[in-house]
N, C-alpha and C. Protein backbone atom coordinates (compact mmCIF):
# COMPACT_ATOMS: atom_id res chain seq x y z
N MET A 1 -18.06 -9.78 -24.92
CA MET A 1 -18.70 -10.43 -24.07
C MET A 1 -17.89 -11.57 -23.56
N LEU A 2 -18.35 -11.99 -22.31
CA LEU A 2 -17.39 -12.91 -21.63
C LEU A 2 -18.04 -14.33 -21.86
N SER A 3 -17.38 -15.26 -22.12
CA SER A 3 -17.69 -16.47 -22.33
C SER A 3 -17.49 -17.40 -20.76
N VAL A 4 -18.02 -18.62 -20.79
CA VAL A 4 -17.81 -19.37 -19.77
C VAL A 4 -16.32 -19.57 -19.57
N LYS A 5 -15.69 -19.83 -20.49
CA LYS A 5 -14.12 -20.00 -20.44
C LYS A 5 -13.43 -18.99 -19.80
N ASN A 6 -13.81 -17.74 -20.27
CA ASN A 6 -13.21 -16.50 -19.64
C ASN A 6 -13.77 -16.06 -18.08
N HIS A 7 -14.87 -16.63 -17.89
CA HIS A 7 -15.37 -16.16 -16.56
C HIS A 7 -14.42 -16.85 -15.46
N LYS A 8 -13.91 -18.04 -15.69
CA LYS A 8 -13.12 -18.68 -14.76
C LYS A 8 -11.82 -17.76 -14.46
N LYS A 9 -11.22 -17.40 -15.69
CA LYS A 9 -10.11 -16.35 -15.39
C LYS A 9 -10.51 -15.08 -14.70
N THR A 10 -11.81 -14.56 -15.21
CA THR A 10 -12.18 -13.54 -14.39
C THR A 10 -12.34 -13.57 -13.02
N GLY A 11 -12.90 -14.55 -12.56
CA GLY A 11 -12.92 -14.92 -11.08
C GLY A 11 -11.56 -14.86 -10.40
N PHE A 12 -10.48 -15.43 -11.08
CA PHE A 12 -9.23 -15.20 -10.62
C PHE A 12 -8.79 -13.95 -10.44
N TRP A 13 -9.17 -13.04 -11.34
CA TRP A 13 -8.61 -11.61 -11.04
C TRP A 13 -9.52 -10.84 -10.06
N TYR A 14 -10.76 -11.05 -9.93
CA TYR A 14 -11.49 -10.60 -8.88
C TYR A 14 -10.86 -10.92 -7.51
N ARG A 15 -10.60 -12.27 -7.42
CA ARG A 15 -9.93 -12.59 -6.05
C ARG A 15 -8.63 -11.99 -5.78
N ALA A 16 -7.89 -12.02 -6.96
CA ALA A 16 -6.53 -11.22 -6.92
C ALA A 16 -6.52 -9.94 -6.52
N ILE A 17 -7.33 -9.11 -7.22
CA ILE A 17 -7.75 -7.67 -6.82
C ILE A 17 -8.07 -7.48 -5.34
N ALA A 18 -9.13 -8.36 -4.95
CA ALA A 18 -9.55 -8.43 -3.63
C ALA A 18 -8.50 -8.58 -2.64
N ARG A 19 -7.52 -9.57 -2.90
CA ARG A 19 -6.32 -9.62 -2.09
C ARG A 19 -5.48 -8.54 -1.95
N ILE A 20 -5.21 -8.05 -3.20
CA ILE A 20 -4.29 -6.71 -3.25
C ILE A 20 -4.84 -5.63 -2.39
N LEU A 21 -6.29 -5.50 -2.47
CA LEU A 21 -6.85 -4.33 -1.80
C LEU A 21 -6.89 -4.59 -0.25
N ALA A 22 -7.07 -5.99 0.04
CA ALA A 22 -7.15 -6.23 1.35
C ALA A 22 -5.63 -5.91 2.17
N ALA A 23 -4.52 -6.53 1.42
CA ALA A 23 -3.18 -6.45 1.90
C ALA A 23 -2.74 -5.05 1.93
N GLY A 24 -3.16 -4.23 0.99
CA GLY A 24 -2.86 -2.75 0.87
C GLY A 24 -3.37 -2.00 2.14
N ALA A 25 -4.73 -2.41 2.42
CA ALA A 25 -5.35 -1.57 3.39
C ALA A 25 -4.74 -2.05 4.83
N VAL A 26 -4.57 -3.39 5.03
CA VAL A 26 -3.65 -3.69 6.23
C VAL A 26 -2.44 -3.17 6.50
N GLY A 27 -1.45 -3.14 5.33
CA GLY A 27 -0.35 -2.66 5.35
C GLY A 27 -0.24 -1.15 5.50
N THR A 28 -1.25 -0.53 5.02
CA THR A 28 -1.36 0.94 5.17
C THR A 28 -1.63 1.31 6.59
N LEU A 29 -2.56 0.50 7.11
CA LEU A 29 -2.85 0.78 8.70
C LEU A 29 -1.62 0.45 9.35
N ILE A 30 -0.97 -0.71 9.26
CA ILE A 30 0.22 -1.03 10.09
C ILE A 30 1.31 0.19 10.10
N MET A 31 1.47 0.70 8.76
CA MET A 31 2.43 1.84 8.55
C MET A 31 1.99 3.10 9.11
N SER A 32 0.68 3.27 9.23
CA SER A 32 0.12 4.63 9.69
C SER A 32 0.22 4.53 11.24
N ILE A 33 0.17 3.59 11.85
CA ILE A 33 0.25 3.46 13.34
C ILE A 33 1.22 4.21 13.97
N PRO A 34 2.68 4.09 13.45
CA PRO A 34 3.73 4.91 14.03
C PRO A 34 3.76 6.53 13.80
N MET A 35 2.78 6.81 12.84
CA MET A 35 2.56 8.27 12.68
C MET A 35 1.96 8.97 13.71
N TYR A 36 1.03 8.17 14.33
CA TYR A 36 0.30 8.91 15.19
C TYR A 36 0.68 8.65 16.58
N TYR A 37 1.58 7.45 16.72
CA TYR A 37 2.02 7.15 18.19
C TYR A 37 3.50 7.41 18.27
N GLY A 38 4.13 8.16 17.31
CA GLY A 38 5.42 8.57 17.34
C GLY A 38 5.83 9.40 18.43
N PRO A 39 5.04 10.41 18.96
CA PRO A 39 5.44 11.27 19.85
C PRO A 39 5.61 10.51 21.25
N ILE A 40 5.01 9.19 21.43
CA ILE A 40 5.34 8.65 22.66
C ILE A 40 6.67 8.07 22.66
N PHE A 41 7.45 8.01 21.63
CA PHE A 41 8.81 7.43 21.35
C PHE A 41 9.58 8.60 20.90
N HIS A 42 9.18 9.72 21.30
CA HIS A 42 9.93 11.04 20.94
C HIS A 42 10.24 11.13 19.48
N LEU A 43 9.40 10.82 18.58
CA LEU A 43 9.44 10.84 17.26
C LEU A 43 8.48 12.08 16.86
N PRO A 44 8.63 12.66 15.69
CA PRO A 44 7.81 13.72 15.31
C PRO A 44 6.47 13.14 15.01
N LEU A 45 5.32 13.89 15.13
CA LEU A 45 3.85 13.51 14.74
C LEU A 45 3.83 13.99 13.04
N TRP A 46 3.57 13.05 12.38
CA TRP A 46 3.59 12.91 10.93
C TRP A 46 2.23 12.50 10.44
N PRO A 47 1.20 13.25 10.53
CA PRO A 47 -0.18 12.83 10.06
C PRO A 47 -0.22 12.92 8.55
N VAL A 48 0.19 12.01 7.86
CA VAL A 48 0.17 12.05 6.36
C VAL A 48 -1.09 12.25 5.84
N PRO A 49 -2.32 11.57 6.15
CA PRO A 49 -3.54 12.02 5.58
C PRO A 49 -3.88 13.43 5.71
N HIS A 50 -3.55 13.86 7.04
CA HIS A 50 -3.96 15.31 7.16
C HIS A 50 -3.09 16.31 6.35
N LEU A 51 -1.82 15.96 6.13
CA LEU A 51 -0.99 16.75 5.38
C LEU A 51 -1.60 16.68 3.79
N LEU A 52 -1.94 15.47 3.26
CA LEU A 52 -2.42 15.50 2.08
C LEU A 52 -3.55 16.17 1.74
N ALA A 53 -4.63 16.03 2.82
CA ALA A 53 -5.84 16.90 2.72
C ALA A 53 -5.64 18.46 2.74
N ALA A 54 -4.77 18.88 3.65
CA ALA A 54 -4.37 20.37 3.69
C ALA A 54 -3.80 20.77 2.39
N MET A 55 -2.92 20.08 1.73
CA MET A 55 -2.31 20.50 0.42
C MET A 55 -3.15 20.60 -0.62
N LEU A 56 -4.31 19.54 -0.49
CA LEU A 56 -5.34 19.68 -1.68
C LEU A 56 -6.40 20.65 -1.46
N GLY A 57 -6.78 21.05 -0.03
CA GLY A 57 -7.82 21.68 0.38
C GLY A 57 -9.12 21.00 0.33
N THR A 58 -8.81 19.84 0.65
CA THR A 58 -10.16 18.71 0.80
C THR A 58 -10.18 18.35 2.21
N PRO A 59 -11.28 17.70 2.55
CA PRO A 59 -11.62 17.10 3.85
C PRO A 59 -10.57 15.93 4.26
N VAL A 60 -10.43 15.80 5.42
CA VAL A 60 -9.42 14.74 5.95
C VAL A 60 -9.84 13.32 5.38
N ALA A 61 -11.08 13.13 5.18
CA ALA A 61 -11.37 11.79 4.61
C ALA A 61 -10.66 11.68 3.30
N THR A 62 -10.66 12.59 2.51
CA THR A 62 -10.03 12.47 1.13
C THR A 62 -8.43 12.23 1.42
N GLY A 63 -8.02 12.77 2.34
CA GLY A 63 -6.48 12.45 2.58
C GLY A 63 -6.38 11.10 2.93
N TRP A 64 -7.31 10.59 3.57
CA TRP A 64 -7.20 9.01 4.06
C TRP A 64 -7.34 8.33 2.81
N LEU A 65 -8.16 8.56 2.02
CA LEU A 65 -8.41 7.80 0.81
C LEU A 65 -7.28 7.79 -0.16
N ILE A 66 -6.67 9.04 -0.40
CA ILE A 66 -5.35 9.12 -1.22
C ILE A 66 -4.39 8.18 -0.33
N HIS A 67 -4.18 8.43 0.97
CA HIS A 67 -3.18 7.54 1.63
C HIS A 67 -3.45 6.19 1.16
N PHE A 68 -4.51 5.68 1.39
CA PHE A 68 -4.85 4.28 1.05
C PHE A 68 -4.55 3.81 -0.24
N ALA A 69 -4.98 4.72 -1.17
CA ALA A 69 -4.80 4.56 -2.61
C ALA A 69 -3.18 4.33 -3.01
N ILE A 70 -2.37 4.97 -2.23
CA ILE A 70 -0.86 5.06 -2.50
C ILE A 70 -0.48 3.60 -1.94
N GLY A 71 -1.04 3.27 -0.80
CA GLY A 71 -0.73 1.91 -0.28
C GLY A 71 -1.02 0.79 -1.16
N TRP A 72 -2.32 0.89 -1.72
CA TRP A 72 -2.78 -0.12 -2.85
C TRP A 72 -1.99 -0.28 -4.21
N ILE A 73 -1.50 1.12 -4.53
CA ILE A 73 -0.48 1.10 -5.83
C ILE A 73 0.73 0.36 -5.24
N PHE A 74 1.34 0.75 -4.22
CA PHE A 74 2.61 -0.10 -3.69
C PHE A 74 2.34 -1.62 -3.66
N THR A 75 1.19 -2.01 -3.24
CA THR A 75 0.81 -3.40 -3.07
C THR A 75 0.81 -4.12 -4.28
N ALA A 76 0.23 -3.50 -5.29
CA ALA A 76 -0.06 -4.03 -6.50
C ALA A 76 1.36 -3.96 -7.32
N LEU A 77 2.18 -3.05 -7.11
CA LEU A 77 3.46 -3.08 -7.60
C LEU A 77 4.36 -4.28 -7.18
N TYR A 78 4.23 -4.53 -5.69
CA TYR A 78 4.97 -5.68 -5.13
C TYR A 78 4.29 -7.00 -5.76
N VAL A 79 3.14 -7.04 -5.87
CA VAL A 79 2.38 -8.39 -6.42
C VAL A 79 2.98 -8.42 -7.87
N PHE A 80 3.07 -7.44 -8.64
CA PHE A 80 3.34 -7.58 -10.15
C PHE A 80 4.88 -7.80 -10.20
N ILE A 81 5.71 -7.22 -9.38
CA ILE A 81 7.22 -7.62 -9.42
C ILE A 81 7.39 -9.13 -8.98
N ARG A 82 6.67 -9.62 -7.77
CA ARG A 82 6.73 -11.02 -7.36
C ARG A 82 6.20 -11.86 -8.27
N SER A 83 5.18 -11.78 -8.92
CA SER A 83 4.51 -12.64 -9.80
C SER A 83 5.16 -12.83 -11.09
N ARG A 84 5.92 -11.77 -11.64
CA ARG A 84 6.80 -11.96 -12.87
C ARG A 84 8.09 -12.64 -12.60
N GLY A 85 8.44 -12.84 -11.25
CA GLY A 85 9.69 -13.46 -10.94
C GLY A 85 10.90 -12.70 -11.13
N MET A 86 10.67 -11.30 -11.06
CA MET A 86 11.89 -10.26 -11.32
C MET A 86 12.84 -10.38 -10.30
N LEU A 87 12.21 -10.90 -9.01
CA LEU A 87 13.08 -10.85 -7.88
C LEU A 87 13.01 -12.28 -7.15
N ARG A 88 14.03 -13.01 -7.28
CA ARG A 88 13.83 -14.30 -6.76
C ARG A 88 14.99 -14.33 -5.48
N SER A 89 14.16 -14.48 -4.35
CA SER A 89 14.99 -14.27 -3.07
C SER A 89 14.17 -14.85 -2.08
N ARG A 90 14.73 -14.85 -0.72
CA ARG A 90 13.98 -15.43 0.33
C ARG A 90 12.72 -14.49 0.49
N PRO A 91 11.84 -14.84 0.85
CA PRO A 91 10.56 -13.95 1.15
C PRO A 91 10.70 -12.91 2.08
N TRP A 92 11.24 -13.27 3.25
CA TRP A 92 11.63 -12.30 4.34
C TRP A 92 12.48 -11.22 3.83
N LEU A 93 13.48 -11.72 3.12
CA LEU A 93 14.57 -10.65 2.73
C LEU A 93 13.87 -9.73 1.72
N LEU A 94 13.06 -10.24 0.78
CA LEU A 94 12.41 -9.33 -0.15
C LEU A 94 11.41 -8.39 0.58
N ILE A 95 10.60 -8.88 1.44
CA ILE A 95 9.64 -7.92 1.98
C ILE A 95 10.47 -6.84 2.77
N THR A 96 11.40 -7.27 3.46
CA THR A 96 12.13 -6.35 4.25
C THR A 96 12.70 -5.25 3.32
N CYS A 97 13.37 -5.60 2.31
CA CYS A 97 13.94 -4.73 1.30
C CYS A 97 12.73 -3.92 0.61
N TYR A 98 11.69 -4.29 0.49
CA TYR A 98 10.48 -3.70 -0.15
C TYR A 98 10.09 -2.47 1.00
N ILE A 99 9.93 -3.05 2.19
CA ILE A 99 9.45 -1.91 3.22
C ILE A 99 10.38 -0.82 3.41
N VAL A 100 11.65 -1.25 3.38
CA VAL A 100 12.75 -0.12 3.31
C VAL A 100 12.80 0.77 2.27
N PHE A 101 12.51 0.20 1.04
CA PHE A 101 12.20 1.10 -0.07
C PHE A 101 11.07 2.05 0.06
N ILE A 102 9.81 1.51 0.47
CA ILE A 102 8.79 2.21 0.82
C ILE A 102 9.23 3.32 1.86
N TYR A 103 9.96 2.89 2.94
CA TYR A 103 10.21 4.00 3.90
C TYR A 103 11.07 5.06 3.19
N LEU A 104 12.04 4.74 2.34
CA LEU A 104 12.88 5.80 1.91
C LEU A 104 12.17 6.67 0.92
N VAL A 105 11.25 6.14 0.31
CA VAL A 105 10.40 7.15 -0.68
C VAL A 105 9.42 7.77 0.11
N ALA A 106 8.90 7.28 1.26
CA ALA A 106 8.03 8.21 2.13
C ALA A 106 8.96 9.38 2.72
N VAL A 107 10.06 9.24 3.29
CA VAL A 107 10.90 9.92 3.99
C VAL A 107 11.49 10.94 3.11
N GLY A 108 11.96 10.65 1.77
CA GLY A 108 12.49 11.35 0.67
C GLY A 108 11.50 12.48 0.04
N SER A 109 10.17 12.18 0.31
CA SER A 109 9.29 13.06 -0.25
C SER A 109 8.88 14.24 0.55
């Protein structure tokens, strides 16, 4: 059972999780835009949510949910690494390296 003392810490975690979910959703949307507008710039169309749904034999909404879940996992991983002080660098450099890492994982799979 939670006491009043633990409730303050629990409130912190609710806010942290809400921020992770919001940042993951925004990041996933921003990274998804080039997938659909790629043909305008002579890039191949690569609709990941549709591919996920086709591989699993489920509706496209499930593909989007899985796509966002992967984005949330990457966001939580970034927050964990950053909060532990494992990577001490300039924020813009860290974020750039992280985005390149996610891109390489996505292209390599």
